Amino acid sequence: MAYNKQNFKDGDVLTADNLINLENGIITSTPYGGLAGKTVSFLADSITTWSDPDGTRWIPDGYKCWYGNGSATNQEGGNTHSASGINDINKTWWKQVLNALGMKLCVNASWSGSRVTGNSTDTSGSVGCGDGRINAVTVKSGVKSECPVGTTPDIIIVFIGINDFGLSNIQPGTWGFKSFPAEGSQATFDVAYATCIKKIMTTYPNAEVFCCTLLETTSSYDKASGWPTNNNNCTLKDYNDKIRAIAQLFGTNIIDLHACGLTYFNCTSNCMDKIHPNVNGAKLMARKAVADICAQSRYGVKSLQ
């Protein structure tokens, strides 16, 4: 069945039977078969969290959750699915991607409010570049997964940094990419993000890594540059440029979520607040992610199969 912008409704789920060709909003054919069955872990923040209405948590125990219901001690924002329109896991951006490509969730290591900056030796999981979060993308006992305990991911998707930019006003940094920082406190975005990616690639040498650019927000806006800014007068572009440069340095792929169609000017229509996508925003994200994964993955590019 083919979907287009007019007949794709909120209740519809993107599946491997109806999603790949997204040109002009048309969804007409099936994805590259090489991605089907591949295991995927996420290292992310609130935008990628989910807890089912019955309290089943799709993130590790103790991680703070934004979307859906869950334990009051581990949840930020309350029952936010009612405000976002994302009232089912299959409407989250990340589950739409997995469904569309026939991939399996390894671990959703997403923590609401988390930053990539912090102490890289942290074991709690709250720090994006910390040992605890890096190790969390392997399936552990008691963690919700579609894979057996001990499974390591074929693909790791890193989507973190918006809290460094907006919530905490972390400086993007001036790291010169010449000498690698020592373990410990990573105080600027570039050093922390590079630490995160390097540790992922060292710990999971066989995994394919995708770095996601950051979404637009309705924070302060600099008309001269055309970018949102934070309280340090740094633009979102500064952080996305760092992500791109670090991805290039380490040879990882890019999911350009910043180009998904969710902009500063339509953010209020596609988000439930300044940054958390609603059901419409999640669709935009999923469509862009699927297109970029299929175009770049060694499992998805036909010529490399």
Protein backbone atom coordinates (compact mmCIF):
# COMPACT_ATOMS: atom_id res chain seq x y z
CA MET A 1 0.00 0.00 0.00
CA ALA A 2 1.30 3.48 -0.82
CA TYR A 3 0.81 6.39 1.56
CA ASN A 4 1.03 10.07 0.79
CA LYS A 5 0.73 13.22 2.84
CA GLN A 6 -3.01 13.30 2.40
CA ASN A 7 -3.86 9.78 3.51
CA PHE A 8 -1.15 9.18 6.13
CA LYS A 9 -3.03 9.49 9.41
CA ASP A 10 -1.91 9.69 13.03
CA GLY A 11 -2.96 6.13 13.70
CA ASP A 12 -0.88 4.71 10.88
CA VAL A 13 2.38 2.94 11.70
CA LEU A 14 5.41 3.06 9.44
CA THR A 15 6.39 -0.54 8.69
CA ALA A 16 8.80 -2.35 6.46
CA ASP A 17 5.93 -3.00 4.05
CA ASN A 18 5.15 0.62 3.35
CA LEU A 19 8.20 2.78 3.88
CA ILE A 20 11.33 3.75 2.05
CA ASN A 21 10.82 6.14 -0.86
CA LEU A 22 10.03 9.42 0.85
CA GLU A 23 10.35 11.78 -2.09
CA ASN A 24 7.51 14.30 -2.11
CA GLY A 25 5.99 12.59 0.90
CA ILE A 26 5.26 9.38 -1.04
CA ILE A 27 5.90 6.11 0.79
CA THR A 28 5.85 3.43 -1.85
CA SER A 29 8.30 0.57 -1.52
CA THR A 30 10.16 -1.68 0.90
CA PRO A 31 13.56 -0.94 2.45
CA TYR A 32 16.84 -2.62 1.67
CA GLY A 33 16.64 -6.10 3.12
CA GLY A 34 20.12 -5.93 4.63
CA LEU A 35 18.85 -3.79 7.52
CA ALA A 36 16.09 -6.20 8.54
CA GLY A 37 16.93 -8.00 11.75
CA LYS A 38 19.87 -5.75 12.65
CA THR A 39 20.05 -4.75 16.31
CA VAL A 40 20.02 -1.07 17.25
CA SER A 41 20.86 0.78 20.46
CA PHE A 42 20.27 4.45 21.18
CA LEU A 43 22.37 6.76 23.33
CA ALA A 44 20.11 9.77 23.74
CA ASP A 45 18.11 12.12 25.95
CA SER A 46 14.42 12.83 26.65
CA ILE A 47 13.37 12.98 22.99
CA THR A 48 14.05 9.25 22.65
CA THR A 49 12.59 8.01 25.96
CA TRP A 50 9.41 5.98 26.31
CA SER A 51 7.40 4.26 29.03
CA ASP A 52 4.21 2.34 28.24
CA PRO A 53 0.88 3.38 29.83
CA ASP A 54 1.06 0.24 32.00
CA GLY A 55 4.40 1.44 33.38
CA THR A 56 6.62 -0.80 31.25
CA ARG A 57 9.81 1.18 30.79
CA TRP A 58 11.75 0.97 27.52
CA ILE A 59 14.81 2.59 29.07
CA PRO A 60 17.09 1.17 31.80
CA ASP A 61 15.80 1.25 35.36
CA GLY A 62 16.64 4.54 37.08
CA TYR A 63 16.93 6.53 33.85
CA LYS A 64 14.65 9.56 33.79
CA CYS A 65 11.81 9.36 31.27
CA TRP A 66 9.87 12.06 29.43
CA TYR A 67 7.43 10.41 27.01
CA GLY A 68 4.66 8.17 28.32
CA ASN A 69 3.81 6.99 31.83
CA GLY A 70 6.19 5.62 34.42
CA SER A 71 7.54 5.77 37.92
CA ALA A 72 7.08 9.19 39.46
CA THR A 73 10.61 9.09 40.86
CA ASN A 74 12.10 8.55 37.43
CA GLN A 75 9.76 10.59 35.28
CA GLU A 76 9.97 14.20 34.15
CA GLY A 77 6.93 15.99 32.82
CA GLY A 78 4.20 13.62 34.00
CA ASN A 79 1.96 11.83 31.50
CA THR A 80 3.30 13.76 28.55
CA HIS A 81 1.93 11.45 25.87
CA SER A 82 -1.46 13.16 26.15
CA ALA A 83 0.04 16.52 25.24
CA SER A 84 2.32 15.21 22.49
CA GLY A 85 -0.18 12.92 20.78
CA ILE A 86 2.42 10.16 21.09
CA ASN A 87 0.24 7.74 23.01
CA ASP A 88 1.78 4.55 21.67
CA ILE A 89 5.38 3.40 21.39
CA ASN A 90 4.91 2.96 17.65
CA LYS A 91 4.42 6.72 17.32
CA THR A 92 7.79 7.56 18.84
CA TRP A 93 10.34 8.63 16.24
CA TRP A 94 12.78 5.85 17.07
CA LYS A 95 10.28 2.96 17.07
CA GLN A 96 8.93 4.14 13.72
CA VAL A 97 12.47 3.82 12.36
CA LEU A 98 12.88 0.30 13.73
CA ASN A 99 9.47 -0.76 12.44
CA ALA A 100 10.08 0.74 9.03
CA LEU A 101 13.38 -1.04 8.50
CA GLY A 102 12.57 -4.29 10.29
CA MET A 103 15.33 -3.73 12.86
CA LYS A 104 15.31 -4.86 16.50
CA LEU A 105 15.79 -2.76 19.61
CA CYS A 106 18.91 -3.73 21.50
CA VAL A 107 18.81 -1.06 24.26
CA ASN A 108 17.27 2.39 24.40
CA ALA A 109 19.86 4.04 26.68
CA SER A 110 18.09 7.41 26.83
CA TRP A 111 18.02 9.61 29.92
CA SER A 112 15.79 12.67 30.07
CA GLY A 113 17.69 15.85 30.82
CA SER A 114 21.07 14.26 30.27
CA ARG A 115 24.05 15.96 28.65
CA VAL A 116 27.01 14.52 26.82
CA THR A 117 29.28 16.65 29.03
CA GLY A 118 30.32 15.51 32.49
CA ASN A 119 32.73 13.07 34.05
CA SER A 120 33.65 10.39 31.54
CA THR A 121 34.29 7.89 34.35
CA ASP A 122 30.67 8.20 35.60
CA THR A 123 29.06 4.80 36.10
CA SER A 124 25.49 5.91 36.90
CA GLY A 125 24.50 6.33 33.26
CA SER A 126 23.50 9.97 33.64
CA VAL A 127 26.49 11.31 31.66
CA GLY A 128 26.46 10.80 27.90
CA CYS A 129 30.21 10.33 27.60
CA GLY A 130 30.41 8.29 30.82
CA ASP A 131 31.36 4.64 31.15
CA GLY A 132 27.93 3.79 32.55
CA ARG A 133 26.05 5.07 29.50
CA ILE A 134 28.49 3.56 27.01
CA ASN A 135 28.19 0.15 28.65
CA ALA A 136 24.39 0.44 28.88
CA VAL A 137 23.87 -0.13 25.14
CA THR A 138 24.54 -3.85 25.66
CA VAL A 139 21.46 -5.83 26.75
CA LYS A 140 21.51 -6.49 30.51
CA SER A 141 19.17 -8.62 32.60
CA GLY A 142 15.96 -6.74 33.40
CA VAL A 143 16.33 -4.18 30.60
CA LYS A 144 13.48 -4.02 28.07
CA SER A 145 14.81 -5.26 24.75
CA GLU A 146 13.88 -7.22 21.66
CA CYS A 147 17.17 -9.12 21.94
CA PRO A 148 18.64 -11.69 24.36
CA VAL A 149 20.78 -10.68 27.34
CA GLY A 150 24.34 -10.03 26.25
CA THR A 151 23.45 -8.81 22.77
CA THR A 152 25.62 -5.97 21.51
CA PRO A 153 24.23 -3.63 18.84
CA ASP A 154 24.93 -3.80 15.13
CA ILE A 155 24.06 -0.10 14.93
CA ILE A 156 24.37 2.62 17.59
CA ILE A 157 22.47 5.89 17.12
CA VAL A 158 23.77 8.84 19.17
CA PHE A 159 21.27 11.67 19.58
CA ILE A 160 22.37 13.86 22.46
CA GLY A 161 23.47 17.44 22.99
CA ILE A 162 20.36 19.61 23.09
CA ASN A 163 20.61 19.87 26.89
CA ASP A 164 24.24 20.92 26.59
CA PHE A 165 23.13 23.66 24.20
CA GLY A 166 19.93 24.89 25.82
CA LEU A 167 19.40 23.62 29.33
CA SER A 168 22.97 24.04 30.59
CA ASN A 169 24.50 26.51 28.12
CA ILE A 170 27.67 24.45 27.81
CA GLN A 171 30.31 26.05 25.62
CA PRO A 172 30.79 24.32 22.23
CA GLY A 173 34.55 24.37 22.86
CA THR A 174 37.75 25.08 20.99
CA TRP A 175 39.33 21.62 20.87
CA GLY A 176 41.79 21.46 17.99
CA PHE A 177 41.28 17.75 17.14
CA LYS A 178 45.04 17.13 17.51
CA SER A 179 45.43 15.47 20.90
CA PHE A 180 42.77 13.37 22.56
CA PRO A 181 41.57 14.46 26.02
CA ALA A 182 42.25 12.34 29.08
CA GLU A 183 39.44 10.61 30.95
CA GLY A 184 37.75 12.73 33.61
CA SER A 185 35.70 15.91 33.56
CA GLN A 186 34.71 16.86 30.01
CA ALA A 187 33.50 20.43 30.33
CA THR A 188 33.00 21.52 26.72
CA PHE A 189 30.70 20.00 24.15
CA ASP A 190 33.33 19.13 21.55
CA VAL A 191 35.63 17.27 23.93
CA ALA A 192 32.74 15.41 25.58
CA TYR A 193 31.13 14.43 22.27
CA ALA A 194 34.46 13.23 20.89
CA THR A 195 35.05 11.23 24.08
CA CYS A 196 31.62 9.63 23.73
CA ILE A 197 32.14 8.60 20.11
CA LYS A 198 35.68 7.34 20.66
CA LYS A 199 34.58 5.21 23.62
CA ILE A 200 31.65 3.79 21.67
CA MET A 201 33.91 2.81 18.79
CA THR A 202 36.50 1.31 21.14
CA THR A 203 33.93 -0.65 23.15
CA TYR A 204 31.89 -1.76 20.13
CA PRO A 205 34.39 -2.00 17.25
CA ASN A 206 31.99 -3.93 15.02
CA ALA A 207 29.07 -1.53 15.46
CA GLU A 208 28.06 1.00 12.85
CA VAL A 209 27.66 4.43 14.48
CA PHE A 210 25.27 7.21 13.44
CA CYS A 211 25.58 10.70 14.94
CA CYS A 212 22.40 12.79 14.87
CA THR A 213 22.40 16.55 14.44
CA LEU A 214 20.28 18.52 16.91
CA LEU A 215 16.75 19.75 16.28
CA GLU A 216 15.68 23.37 16.13
CA THR A 217 14.17 24.92 19.26
CA THR A 218 12.04 27.95 20.04
CA SER A 219 14.68 29.41 22.33
CA SER A 220 16.27 32.78 21.57
CA TYR A 221 16.81 33.40 17.87
CA ASP A 222 19.62 35.29 16.17
CA LYS A 223 18.21 36.88 13.03
CA ALA A 224 21.66 37.73 11.67
CA SER A 225 22.83 34.11 11.65
CA GLY A 226 19.41 32.54 11.25
CA TRP A 227 19.96 30.15 14.16
CA PRO A 228 18.57 29.63 17.67
CA THR A 229 20.96 30.80 20.40
CA ASN A 230 21.55 29.98 24.05
CA ASN A 231 22.37 32.20 27.01
CA ASN A 232 26.04 32.23 26.04
CA ASN A 233 25.11 33.62 22.62
CA CYS A 234 26.26 30.41 20.97
CA THR A 235 24.14 29.20 18.08
CA LEU A 236 22.74 25.73 17.54
CA LYS A 237 24.87 25.67 14.39
CA ASP A 238 27.98 25.79 16.58
CA TYR A 239 26.99 22.47 18.16
CA ASN A 240 25.83 20.82 14.95
CA ASP A 241 29.11 21.83 13.31
CA LYS A 242 30.95 20.08 16.13
CA ILE A 243 28.86 16.94 15.65
CA ARG A 244 29.60 16.90 11.94
CA ALA A 245 33.31 17.51 12.42
CA ILE A 246 33.64 14.78 15.06
CA ALA A 247 31.63 12.34 12.94
CA GLN A 248 33.98 13.03 10.05
CA LEU A 249 37.03 12.64 12.30
CA PHE A 250 35.95 9.19 13.45
CA GLY A 251 34.37 8.10 10.19
CA THR A 252 30.84 7.69 11.51
CA ASN A 253 27.61 8.31 9.62
CA ILE A 254 25.29 11.28 10.08
CA ILE A 255 21.53 11.36 10.56
CA ASP A 256 20.76 14.99 9.80
CA LEU A 257 17.69 15.38 11.99
CA HIS A 258 18.17 19.15 11.89
CA ALA A 259 17.09 18.91 8.24
CA CYS A 260 14.01 16.78 8.94
CA GLY A 261 11.64 19.69 8.29
CA LEU A 262 11.12 20.74 11.90
CA THR A 263 12.23 24.39 11.96
CA TYR A 264 12.28 27.33 14.34
CA PHE A 265 9.29 28.76 12.48
CA ASN A 266 7.09 25.63 12.62
CA CYS A 267 8.34 24.31 15.95
CA THR A 268 5.14 25.24 17.76
CA SER A 269 3.16 23.07 15.33
CA ASN A 270 5.49 20.10 15.57
CA CYS A 271 6.53 20.20 19.23
CA MET A 272 4.65 20.09 22.51
CA ASP A 273 7.03 22.66 24.01
CA LYS A 274 10.31 24.27 22.97
CA ILE A 275 11.97 21.02 21.95
CA HIS A 276 9.98 17.80 22.48
CA PRO A 277 8.37 16.73 19.18
CA ASN A 278 4.69 15.88 19.07
CA VAL A 279 3.24 13.17 16.85
CA ASN A 280 3.80 15.28 13.73
CA GLY A 281 7.38 16.11 14.66
CA ALA A 282 8.13 12.46 15.37
CA LYS A 283 6.99 11.54 11.85
CA LEU A 284 9.31 14.13 10.35
CA MET A 285 12.21 12.78 12.38
CA ALA A 286 11.47 9.16 11.50
CA ARG A 287 11.26 9.84 7.79
CA LYS A 288 14.58 11.66 7.74
CA ALA A 289 16.28 9.01 9.87
CA VAL A 290 15.09 6.19 7.64
CA ALA A 291 16.26 7.98 4.50
CA ASP A 292 19.71 8.71 5.96
CA ILE A 293 20.20 5.21 7.38
CA CYS A 294 19.27 3.57 4.09
CA ALA A 295 21.54 5.93 2.16
CA GLN A 296 24.62 5.46 4.38
CA SER A 297 24.48 2.16 6.25
CA ARG A 298 26.74 -0.62 5.07
CA TYR A 299 23.70 -2.85 5.56
CA GLY A 300 21.43 -0.61 3.50
CA VAL A 301 23.48 0.65 0.58
CA LYS A 302 22.94 -1.80 -2.26
CA SER A 303 26.39 -1.45 -3.73
CA LEU A 304 28.02 -2.53 -0.46
CA GLN A 305 25.92 -5.61 0.17
